[in-house]
Full PDB file with SEQRES, HELIX, SHEET, SSBOND, CRYST1, ORIGX, SCALE, CONECT and MASTER records, all heavy atoms in Angstrom:
SEQRES   1 A   37  ALA PHE GLU LYS LYS LYS PRO ASP LYS VAL SER VAL CYS          
SEQRES   2 A   37  SER GLY LEU ILE SER PHE VAL GLY ILE MET PHE PHE PHE          
SEQRES   3 A   37  LEU ASP SER LEU SER ALA GLY GLY MET ALA GLY                  
HELIX    1 AA1 LYS A    9  ALA A   32  1                                  24    
CRYST1    1.000    1.000    1.000  90.00  90.00  90.00 P 1           1          
ORIGX1      1.000000  0.000000  0.000000        0.00000                         
ORIGX2      0.000000  1.000000  0.000000        0.00000                         
ORIGX3      0.000000  0.000000  1.000000        0.00000                         
SCALE1      1.000000  0.000000  0.000000        0.00000                         
SCALE2      0.000000  1.000000  0.000000        0.00000                         
SCALE3      0.000000  0.000000  1.000000        0.00000                         
ATOM      1  N   ALA A   1      26.286  60.246  -8.083  1.00  0.00           N  
ATOM      2  CA  ALA A   1      27.291  59.219  -8.329  1.00  0.00           C  
ATOM      3  C   ALA A   1      28.718  59.693  -8.045  1.00  0.00           C  
ATOM      4  O   ALA A   1      29.520  58.952  -7.467  1.00  0.00           O  
ATOM      5  CB  ALA A   1      27.191  58.725  -9.770  1.00  0.00           C  
ATOM      6  N   PHE A   2      29.012  60.939  -8.437  1.00  0.00           N  
ATOM      7  CA  PHE A   2      30.403  61.388  -8.381  1.00  0.00           C  
ATOM      8  C   PHE A   2      30.699  62.372  -7.250  1.00  0.00           C  
ATOM      9  O   PHE A   2      31.854  62.526  -6.859  1.00  0.00           O  
ATOM     10  CB  PHE A   2      30.793  62.017  -9.724  1.00  0.00           C  
ATOM     11  CG  PHE A   2      30.824  61.026 -10.847  1.00  0.00           C  
ATOM     12  CD1 PHE A   2      29.771  60.948 -11.750  1.00  0.00           C  
ATOM     13  CD2 PHE A   2      31.893  60.157 -10.998  1.00  0.00           C  
ATOM     14  CE1 PHE A   2      29.783  60.024 -12.789  1.00  0.00           C  
ATOM     15  CE2 PHE A   2      31.921  59.231 -12.022  1.00  0.00           C  
ATOM     16  CZ  PHE A   2      30.861  59.159 -12.926  1.00  0.00           C  
ATOM     17  N   GLU A   3      29.687  63.050  -6.738  1.00  0.00           N  
ATOM     18  CA  GLU A   3      29.919  63.977  -5.634  1.00  0.00           C  
ATOM     19  C   GLU A   3      29.206  63.539  -4.363  1.00  0.00           C  
ATOM     20  O   GLU A   3      29.181  64.265  -3.375  1.00  0.00           O  
ATOM     21  CB  GLU A   3      29.480  65.399  -6.022  1.00  0.00           C  
ATOM     22  CG  GLU A   3      30.304  66.009  -7.154  1.00  0.00           C  
ATOM     23  CD  GLU A   3      29.978  67.466  -7.394  1.00  0.00           C  
ATOM     24  OE1 GLU A   3      29.196  68.054  -6.602  1.00  0.00           O  
ATOM     25  OE2 GLU A   3      30.503  68.034  -8.368  1.00  0.00           O  
ATOM     26  N   LYS A   4      28.610  62.326  -4.425  1.00  0.00           N  
ATOM     27  CA  LYS A   4      27.905  61.753  -3.274  1.00  0.00           C  
ATOM     28  C   LYS A   4      26.813  62.691  -2.752  1.00  0.00           C  
ATOM     29  O   LYS A   4      26.500  62.694  -1.563  1.00  0.00           O  
ATOM     30  CB  LYS A   4      28.892  61.434  -2.143  1.00  0.00           C  
ATOM     31  CG  LYS A   4      30.079  60.581  -2.573  1.00  0.00           C  
ATOM     32  CD  LYS A   4      29.652  59.282  -3.217  1.00  0.00           C  
ATOM     33  CE  LYS A   4      30.865  58.469  -3.684  1.00  0.00           C  
ATOM     34  NZ  LYS A   4      30.468  57.229  -4.400  1.00  0.00           N  
ATOM     35  N   LYS A   5      26.250  63.474  -3.670  1.00  0.00           N  
ATOM     36  CA  LYS A   5      25.182  64.394  -3.306  1.00  0.00           C  
ATOM     37  C   LYS A   5      23.851  63.675  -3.509  1.00  0.00           C  
ATOM     38  O   LYS A   5      23.291  63.647  -4.601  1.00  0.00           O  
ATOM     39  CB  LYS A   5      25.249  65.663  -4.174  1.00  0.00           C  
ATOM     40  CG  LYS A   5      24.259  66.733  -3.774  1.00  0.00           C  
ATOM     41  CD  LYS A   5      24.430  67.979  -4.649  1.00  0.00           C  
ATOM     42  CE  LYS A   5      23.425  69.052  -4.273  1.00  0.00           C  
ATOM     43  NZ  LYS A   5      23.568  70.277  -5.110  1.00  0.00           N  
ATOM     44  N   LYS A   6      23.341  63.095  -2.427  1.00  0.00           N  
ATOM     45  CA  LYS A   6      22.130  62.297  -2.503  1.00  0.00           C  
ATOM     46  C   LYS A   6      20.940  63.160  -2.904  1.00  0.00           C  
ATOM     47  O   LYS A   6      20.736  64.245  -2.360  1.00  0.00           O  
ATOM     48  CB  LYS A   6      21.846  61.641  -1.152  1.00  0.00           C  
ATOM     49  CG  LYS A   6      20.726  60.622  -1.184  1.00  0.00           C  
ATOM     50  CD  LYS A   6      20.586  59.928   0.163  1.00  0.00           C  
ATOM     51  CE  LYS A   6      19.465  58.897   0.124  1.00  0.00           C  
ATOM     52  NZ  LYS A   6      19.307  58.195   1.420  1.00  0.00           N  
ATOM     53  N   PRO A   7      20.153  62.704  -3.893  1.00  0.00           N  
ATOM     54  CA  PRO A   7      19.007  63.499  -4.345  1.00  0.00           C  
ATOM     55  C   PRO A   7      17.965  63.671  -3.244  1.00  0.00           C  
ATOM     56  O   PRO A   7      17.675  62.733  -2.492  1.00  0.00           O  
ATOM     57  CB  PRO A   7      18.446  62.673  -5.513  1.00  0.00           C  
ATOM     58  CG  PRO A   7      18.936  61.285  -5.277  1.00  0.00           C  
ATOM     59  CD  PRO A   7      20.284  61.441  -4.630  1.00  0.00           C  
ATOM     60  N   ASP A   8      17.414  64.873  -3.152  1.00  0.00           N  
ATOM     61  CA  ASP A   8      16.385  65.134  -2.153  1.00  0.00           C  
ATOM     62  C   ASP A   8      15.011  64.777  -2.710  1.00  0.00           C  
ATOM     63  O   ASP A   8      14.882  64.282  -3.832  1.00  0.00           O  
ATOM     64  CB  ASP A   8      16.433  66.604  -1.719  1.00  0.00           C  
ATOM     65  CG  ASP A   8      16.358  67.569  -2.904  1.00  0.00           C  
ATOM     66  OD1 ASP A   8      15.850  67.156  -3.981  1.00  0.00           O  
ATOM     67  OD2 ASP A   8      16.808  68.716  -2.772  1.00  0.00           O  
ATOM     68  N   LYS A   9      13.988  65.015  -1.917  1.00  0.00           N  
ATOM     69  CA  LYS A   9      12.626  64.654  -2.332  1.00  0.00           C  
ATOM     70  C   LYS A   9      12.190  65.401  -3.585  1.00  0.00           C  
ATOM     71  O   LYS A   9      11.495  64.856  -4.438  1.00  0.00           O  
ATOM     72  CB  LYS A   9      11.652  64.937  -1.180  1.00  0.00           C  
ATOM     73  CG  LYS A   9      11.829  64.018   0.028  1.00  0.00           C  
ATOM     74  CD  LYS A   9      10.815  64.332   1.107  1.00  0.00           C  
ATOM     75  CE  LYS A   9      10.987  63.412   2.305  1.00  0.00           C  
ATOM     76  NZ  LYS A   9      10.017  63.705   3.395  1.00  0.00           N  
ATOM     77  N   VAL A  10      12.608  66.679  -3.691  1.00  0.00           N  
ATOM     78  CA  VAL A  10      12.257  67.476  -4.868  1.00  0.00           C  
ATOM     79  C   VAL A  10      12.836  66.843  -6.124  1.00  0.00           C  
ATOM     80  O   VAL A  10      12.158  66.713  -7.151  1.00  0.00           O  
ATOM     81  CB  VAL A  10      12.781  68.924  -4.716  1.00  0.00           C  
ATOM     82  CG1 VAL A  10      12.607  69.695  -6.022  1.00  0.00           C  
ATOM     83  CG2 VAL A  10      12.043  69.636  -3.587  1.00  0.00           C  
ATOM     84  N   SER A  11      14.103  66.427  -6.053  1.00  0.00           N  
ATOM     85  CA  SER A  11      14.766  65.819  -7.206  1.00  0.00           C  
ATOM     86  C   SER A  11      14.097  64.509  -7.604  1.00  0.00           C  
ATOM     87  O   SER A  11      13.871  64.240  -8.788  1.00  0.00           O  
ATOM     88  CB  SER A  11      16.242  65.574  -6.883  1.00  0.00           C  
ATOM     89  OG  SER A  11      16.906  66.779  -6.589  1.00  0.00           O  
ATOM     90  N   VAL A  12      13.785  63.689  -6.611  1.00  0.00           N  
ATOM     91  CA  VAL A  12      13.149  62.402  -6.887  1.00  0.00           C  
ATOM     92  C   VAL A  12      11.776  62.594  -7.508  1.00  0.00           C  
ATOM     93  O   VAL A  12      11.421  61.944  -8.503  1.00  0.00           O  
ATOM     94  CB  VAL A  12      13.032  61.566  -5.597  1.00  0.00           C  
ATOM     95  CG1 VAL A  12      12.227  60.297  -5.858  1.00  0.00           C  
ATOM     96  CG2 VAL A  12      14.417  61.214  -5.067  1.00  0.00           C  
ATOM     97  N   CYS A  13      10.988  63.515  -6.937  1.00  0.00           N  
ATOM     98  CA  CYS A  13       9.650  63.796  -7.485  1.00  0.00           C  
ATOM     99  C   CYS A  13       9.742  64.313  -8.906  1.00  0.00           C  
ATOM    100  O   CYS A  13       8.979  63.904  -9.794  1.00  0.00           O  
ATOM    101  CB  CYS A  13       8.923  64.805  -6.602  1.00  0.00           C  
ATOM    102  SG  CYS A  13       8.401  64.148  -5.004  1.00  0.00           S  
ATOM    103  N   SER A  14      10.698  65.219  -9.139  1.00  0.00           N  
ATOM    104  CA  SER A  14      10.882  65.777 -10.476  1.00  0.00           C  
ATOM    105  C   SER A  14      11.253  64.684 -11.468  1.00  0.00           C  
ATOM    106  O   SER A  14      10.746  64.639 -12.593  1.00  0.00           O  
ATOM    107  CB  SER A  14      11.976  66.852 -10.450  1.00  0.00           C  
ATOM    108  OG  SER A  14      12.215  67.353 -11.748  1.00  0.00           O  
ATOM    109  N   GLY A  15      12.136  63.772 -11.043  1.00  0.00           N  
ATOM    110  CA  GLY A  15      12.542  62.680 -11.918  1.00  0.00           C  
ATOM    111  C   GLY A  15      11.394  61.751 -12.261  1.00  0.00           C  
ATOM    112  O   GLY A  15      11.239  61.341 -13.416  1.00  0.00           O  
ATOM    113  N   LEU A  16      10.571  61.446 -11.282  1.00  0.00           N  
ATOM    114  CA  LEU A  16       9.419  60.568 -11.520  1.00  0.00           C  
ATOM    115  C   LEU A  16       8.407  61.223 -12.457  1.00  0.00           C  
ATOM    116  O   LEU A  16       7.852  60.566 -13.352  1.00  0.00           O  
ATOM    117  CB  LEU A  16       8.753  60.208 -10.190  1.00  0.00           C  
ATOM    118  CG  LEU A  16       9.557  59.292  -9.265  1.00  0.00           C  
ATOM    119  CD1 LEU A  16       8.852  59.143  -7.918  1.00  0.00           C  
ATOM    120  CD2 LEU A  16       9.779  57.933  -9.907  1.00  0.00           C  
ATOM    121  N   ILE A  17       8.184  62.529 -12.261  1.00  0.00           N  
ATOM    122  CA  ILE A  17       7.240  63.252 -13.129  1.00  0.00           C  
ATOM    123  C   ILE A  17       7.770  63.281 -14.560  1.00  0.00           C  
ATOM    124  O   ILE A  17       7.017  63.075 -15.521  1.00  0.00           O  
ATOM    125  CB  ILE A  17       7.017  64.682 -12.605  1.00  0.00           C  
ATOM    126  CG1 ILE A  17       6.308  64.647 -11.255  1.00  0.00           C  
ATOM    127  CG2 ILE A  17       6.184  65.498 -13.609  1.00  0.00           C  
ATOM    128  CD1 ILE A  17       6.251  65.999 -10.557  1.00  0.00           C  
ATOM    129  N   SER A  18       9.077  63.534 -14.717  1.00  0.00           N  
ATOM    130  CA  SER A  18       9.684  63.551 -16.048  1.00  0.00           C  
ATOM    131  C   SER A  18       9.533  62.193 -16.722  1.00  0.00           C  
ATOM    132  O   SER A  18       9.263  62.104 -17.925  1.00  0.00           O  
ATOM    133  CB  SER A  18      11.169  63.912 -15.961  1.00  0.00           C  
ATOM    134  OG  SER A  18      11.351  65.268 -15.663  1.00  0.00           O  
ATOM    135  N   PHE A  19       9.702  61.127 -15.937  1.00  0.00           N  
ATOM    136  CA  PHE A  19       9.585  59.782 -16.496  1.00  0.00           C  
ATOM    137  C   PHE A  19       8.176  59.541 -17.049  1.00  0.00           C  
ATOM    138  O   PHE A  19       8.012  58.945 -18.113  1.00  0.00           O  
ATOM    139  CB  PHE A  19       9.902  58.742 -15.421  1.00  0.00           C  
ATOM    140  CG  PHE A  19       9.893  57.323 -15.917  1.00  0.00           C  
ATOM    141  CD1 PHE A  19      10.959  56.834 -16.648  1.00  0.00           C  
ATOM    142  CD2 PHE A  19       8.808  56.492 -15.668  1.00  0.00           C  
ATOM    143  CE1 PHE A  19      10.948  55.528 -17.122  1.00  0.00           C  
ATOM    144  CE2 PHE A  19       8.789  55.189 -16.135  1.00  0.00           C  
ATOM    145  CZ  PHE A  19       9.865  54.709 -16.862  1.00  0.00           C  
ATOM    146  N   VAL A  20       7.166  60.031 -16.328  1.00  0.00           N  
ATOM    147  CA  VAL A  20       5.779  59.913 -16.808  1.00  0.00           C  
ATOM    148  C   VAL A  20       5.626  60.656 -18.134  1.00  0.00           C  
ATOM    149  O   VAL A  20       5.020  60.153 -19.085  1.00  0.00           O  
ATOM    150  CB  VAL A  20       4.790  60.476 -15.765  1.00  0.00           C  
ATOM    151  CG1 VAL A  20       3.382  60.538 -16.353  1.00  0.00           C  
ATOM    152  CG2 VAL A  20       4.798  59.617 -14.509  1.00  0.00           C  
ATOM    153  N   GLY A  21       6.209  61.874 -18.193  1.00  0.00           N  
ATOM    154  CA  GLY A  21       6.140  62.656 -19.430  1.00  0.00           C  
ATOM    155  C   GLY A  21       6.812  61.955 -20.590  1.00  0.00           C  
ATOM    156  O   GLY A  21       6.315  61.956 -21.726  1.00  0.00           O  
ATOM    157  N   ILE A  22       7.957  61.324 -20.323  1.00  0.00           N  
ATOM    158  CA  ILE A  22       8.692  60.594 -21.357  1.00  0.00           C  
ATOM    159  C   ILE A  22       7.841  59.471 -21.947  1.00  0.00           C  
ATOM    160  O   ILE A  22       7.857  59.219 -23.153  1.00  0.00           O  
ATOM    161  CB  ILE A  22      10.006  60.031 -20.783  1.00  0.00           C  
ATOM    162  CG1 ILE A  22      10.978  61.175 -20.479  1.00  0.00           C  
ATOM    163  CG2 ILE A  22      10.650  59.046 -21.754  1.00  0.00           C  
ATOM    164  CD1 ILE A  22      12.173  60.750 -19.664  1.00  0.00           C  
ATOM    165  N   MET A  23       7.057  58.812 -21.108  1.00  0.00           N  
ATOM    166  CA  MET A  23       6.218  57.719 -21.574  1.00  0.00           C  
ATOM    167  C   MET A  23       5.202  58.193 -22.626  1.00  0.00           C  
ATOM    168  O   MET A  23       4.875  57.460 -23.553  1.00  0.00           O  
ATOM    169  CB  MET A  23       5.482  57.075 -20.388  1.00  0.00           C  
ATOM    170  CG  MET A  23       6.389  56.287 -19.445  1.00  0.00           C  
ATOM    171  SD  MET A  23       7.293  54.931 -20.246  1.00  0.00           S  
ATOM    172  CE  MET A  23       8.909  55.708 -20.504  1.00  0.00           C  
ATOM    173  N   PHE A  24       4.729  59.417 -22.484  1.00  0.00           N  
ATOM    174  CA  PHE A  24       3.779  59.959 -23.464  1.00  0.00           C  
ATOM    175  C   PHE A  24       4.440  60.112 -24.831  1.00  0.00           C  
ATOM    176  O   PHE A  24       3.802  59.878 -25.861  1.00  0.00           O  
ATOM    177  CB  PHE A  24       3.239  61.312 -22.989  1.00  0.00           C  
ATOM    178  CG  PHE A  24       2.114  61.198 -22.002  1.00  0.00           C  
ATOM    179  CD1 PHE A  24       2.347  61.133 -20.638  1.00  0.00           C  
ATOM    180  CD2 PHE A  24       0.800  61.146 -22.446  1.00  0.00           C  
ATOM    181  CE1 PHE A  24       1.308  61.019 -19.727  1.00  0.00           C  
ATOM    182  CE2 PHE A  24      -0.254  61.034 -21.552  1.00  0.00           C  
ATOM    183  CZ  PHE A  24       0.001  60.967 -20.189  1.00  0.00           C  
ATOM    184  N   PHE A  25       5.719  60.492 -24.855  1.00  0.00           N  
ATOM    185  CA  PHE A  25       6.435  60.604 -26.124  1.00  0.00           C  
ATOM    186  C   PHE A  25       6.506  59.251 -26.819  1.00  0.00           C  
ATOM    187  O   PHE A  25       6.311  59.146 -28.028  1.00  0.00           O  
ATOM    188  CB  PHE A  25       7.861  61.122 -25.879  1.00  0.00           C  
ATOM    189  CG  PHE A  25       7.936  62.614 -25.671  1.00  0.00           C  
ATOM    190  CD1 PHE A  25       7.953  63.145 -24.398  1.00  0.00           C  
ATOM    191  CD2 PHE A  25       8.001  63.478 -26.751  1.00  0.00           C  
ATOM    192  CE1 PHE A  25       8.034  64.508 -24.192  1.00  0.00           C  
ATOM    193  CE2 PHE A  25       8.082  64.849 -26.567  1.00  0.00           C  
ATOM    194  CZ  PHE A  25       8.100  65.364 -25.288  1.00  0.00           C  
ATOM    195  N   PHE A  26       6.770  58.210 -26.030  1.00  0.00           N  
ATOM    196  CA  PHE A  26       6.924  56.896 -26.632  1.00  0.00           C  
ATOM    197  C   PHE A  26       5.573  56.298 -27.043  1.00  0.00           C  
ATOM    198  O   PHE A  26       5.500  55.510 -27.980  1.00  0.00           O  
ATOM    199  CB  PHE A  26       7.687  55.973 -25.682  1.00  0.00           C  
ATOM    200  CG  PHE A  26       9.155  56.266 -25.648  1.00  0.00           C  
ATOM    201  CD1 PHE A  26       9.684  57.137 -24.716  1.00  0.00           C  
ATOM    202  CD2 PHE A  26      10.005  55.700 -26.583  1.00  0.00           C  
ATOM    203  CE1 PHE A  26      11.035  57.428 -24.696  1.00  0.00           C  
ATOM    204  CE2 PHE A  26      11.350  55.981 -26.582  1.00  0.00           C  
ATOM    205  CZ  PHE A  26      11.879  56.850 -25.640  1.00  0.00           C  
ATOM    206  N   LEU A  27       4.503  56.676 -26.372  1.00  0.00           N  
ATOM    207  CA  LEU A  27       3.174  56.253 -26.805  1.00  0.00           C  
ATOM    208  C   LEU A  27       2.859  56.848 -28.170  1.00  0.00           C  
ATOM    209  O   LEU A  27       2.294  56.179 -29.040  1.00  0.00           O  
ATOM    210  CB  LEU A  27       2.116  56.700 -25.783  1.00  0.00           C  
ATOM    211  CG  LEU A  27       2.054  55.902 -24.472  1.00  0.00           C  
ATOM    212  CD1 LEU A  27       1.086  56.581 -23.498  1.00  0.00           C  
ATOM    213  CD2 LEU A  27       1.625  54.465 -24.729  1.00  0.00           C  
ATOM    214  N   ASP A  28       3.234  58.105 -28.372  1.00  0.00           N  
ATOM    215  CA  ASP A  28       3.039  58.757 -29.660  1.00  0.00           C  
ATOM    216  C   ASP A  28       3.871  58.082 -30.740  1.00  0.00           C  
ATOM    217  O   ASP A  28       3.442  57.947 -31.880  1.00  0.00           O  
ATOM    218  CB  ASP A  28       3.439  60.236 -29.560  1.00  0.00           C  
ATOM    219  CG  ASP A  28       2.452  61.149 -30.280  1.00  0.00           C  
ATOM    220  OD1 ASP A  28       1.382  60.658 -30.699  1.00  0.00           O  
ATOM    221  OD2 ASP A  28       2.742  62.348 -30.414  1.00  0.00           O  
ATOM    222  N   SER A  29       5.054  57.640 -30.391  1.00  0.00           N  
ATOM    223  CA  SER A  29       5.976  57.069 -31.370  1.00  0.00           C  
ATOM    224  C   SER A  29       5.572  55.674 -31.830  1.00  0.00           C  
ATOM    225  O   SER A  29       6.067  55.188 -32.841  1.00  0.00           O  
ATOM    226  CB  SER A  29       7.387  57.004 -30.774  1.00  0.00           C  
ATOM    227  OG  SER A  29       7.873  58.299 -30.514  1.00  0.00           O  
ATOM    228  N   LEU A  30       4.680  55.014 -31.089  1.00  0.00           N  
ATOM    229  CA  LEU A  30       4.225  53.695 -31.501  1.00  0.00           C  
ATOM    230  C   LEU A  30       3.555  53.759 -32.859  1.00  0.00           C  
ATOM    231  O   LEU A  30       3.631  52.838 -33.658  1.00  0.00           O  
ATOM    232  CB  LEU A  30       3.250  53.114 -30.463  1.00  0.00           C  
ATOM    233  CG  LEU A  30       3.867  52.755 -29.098  1.00  0.00           C  
ATOM    234  CD1 LEU A  30       2.770  52.280 -28.160  1.00  0.00           C  
ATOM    235  CD2 LEU A  30       4.944  51.693 -29.259  1.00  0.00           C  
ATOM    236  N   SER A  31       2.928  54.918 -33.147  1.00  0.00           N  
ATOM    237  CA  SER A  31       2.281  55.088 -34.444  1.00  0.00           C  
ATOM    238  C   SER A  31       3.093  55.986 -35.367  1.00  0.00           C  
ATOM    239  O   SER A  31       3.019  55.886 -36.575  1.00  0.00           O  
ATOM    240  CB  SER A  31       0.875  55.689 -34.257  1.00  0.00           C  
ATOM    241  OG  SER A  31       0.958  56.930 -33.571  1.00  0.00           O  
ATOM    242  N   ALA A  32       3.904  56.865 -34.787  1.00  0.00           N  
ATOM    243  CA  ALA A  32       4.652  57.817 -35.603  1.00  0.00           C  
ATOM    244  C   ALA A  32       5.988  57.257 -36.084  1.00  0.00           C  
ATOM    245  O   ALA A  32       6.607  57.810 -36.987  1.00  0.00           O  
ATOM    246  CB  ALA A  32       4.901  59.105 -34.808  1.00  0.00           C  
ATOM    247  N   GLY A  33       6.470  56.167 -35.503  1.00  0.00           N  
ATOM    248  CA  GLY A  33       7.705  55.558 -35.955  1.00  0.00           C  
ATOM    249  C   GLY A  33       8.956  56.279 -35.513  1.00  0.00           C  
ATOM    250  O   GLY A  33      10.015  56.113 -36.113  1.00  0.00           O  
ATOM    251  N   GLY A  34       8.885  57.075 -34.451  1.00  0.00           N  
ATOM    252  CA  GLY A  34      10.052  57.842 -34.010  1.00  0.00           C  
ATOM    253  C   GLY A  34      10.710  57.298 -32.765  1.00  0.00           C  
ATOM    254  O   GLY A  34      11.392  58.031 -32.059  1.00  0.00           O  
ATOM    255  N   MET A  35      10.522  56.014 -32.466  1.00  0.00           N  
ATOM    256  CA  MET A  35      11.048  55.423 -31.231  1.00  0.00           C  
ATOM    257  C   MET A  35      12.559  55.579 -31.120  1.00  0.00           C  
ATOM    258  O   MET A  35      13.077  56.003 -30.085  1.00  0.00           O  
ATOM    259  CB  MET A  35      10.678  53.937 -31.163  1.00  0.00           C  
ATOM    260  CG  MET A  35      11.080  53.248 -29.883  1.00  0.00           C  
ATOM    261  SD  MET A  35      10.039  53.760 -28.492  1.00  0.00           S  
ATOM    262  CE  MET A  35       8.497  52.898 -28.900  1.00  0.00           C  
ATOM    263  N   ALA A  36      13.283  55.233 -32.182  1.00  0.00           N  
ATOM    264  CA  ALA A  36      14.745  55.320 -32.148  1.00  0.00           C  
ATOM    265  C   ALA A  36      15.205  56.754 -31.936  1.00  0.00           C  
ATOM    266  O   ALA A  36      16.159  57.016 -31.196  1.00  0.00           O  
ATOM    267  CB  ALA A  36      15.336  54.764 -33.445  1.00  0.00           C  
ATOM    268  N   GLY A  37      14.518  57.697 -32.574  1.00  0.00           N  
ATOM    269  CA  GLY A  37      14.861  59.104 -32.414  1.00  0.00           C  
ATOM    270  C   GLY A  37      14.666  59.574 -30.988  1.00  0.00           C  
ATOM    271  O   GLY A  37      15.473  60.343 -30.455  1.00  0.00           O  
TER     272      GLY A  37                                                      
MASTER        0    0    0    1    0    0    0    6  271    1    0    3          
END                                                                             
């Protein structure tokens, strides 16, 4: 956004993988009540 350094394939892949991992945290929170946290 600020240095116009366009993300490469490694960055995009890493971001997508992280997003998948994040979803697992929120699946756990559906029963644990930690969504806001």
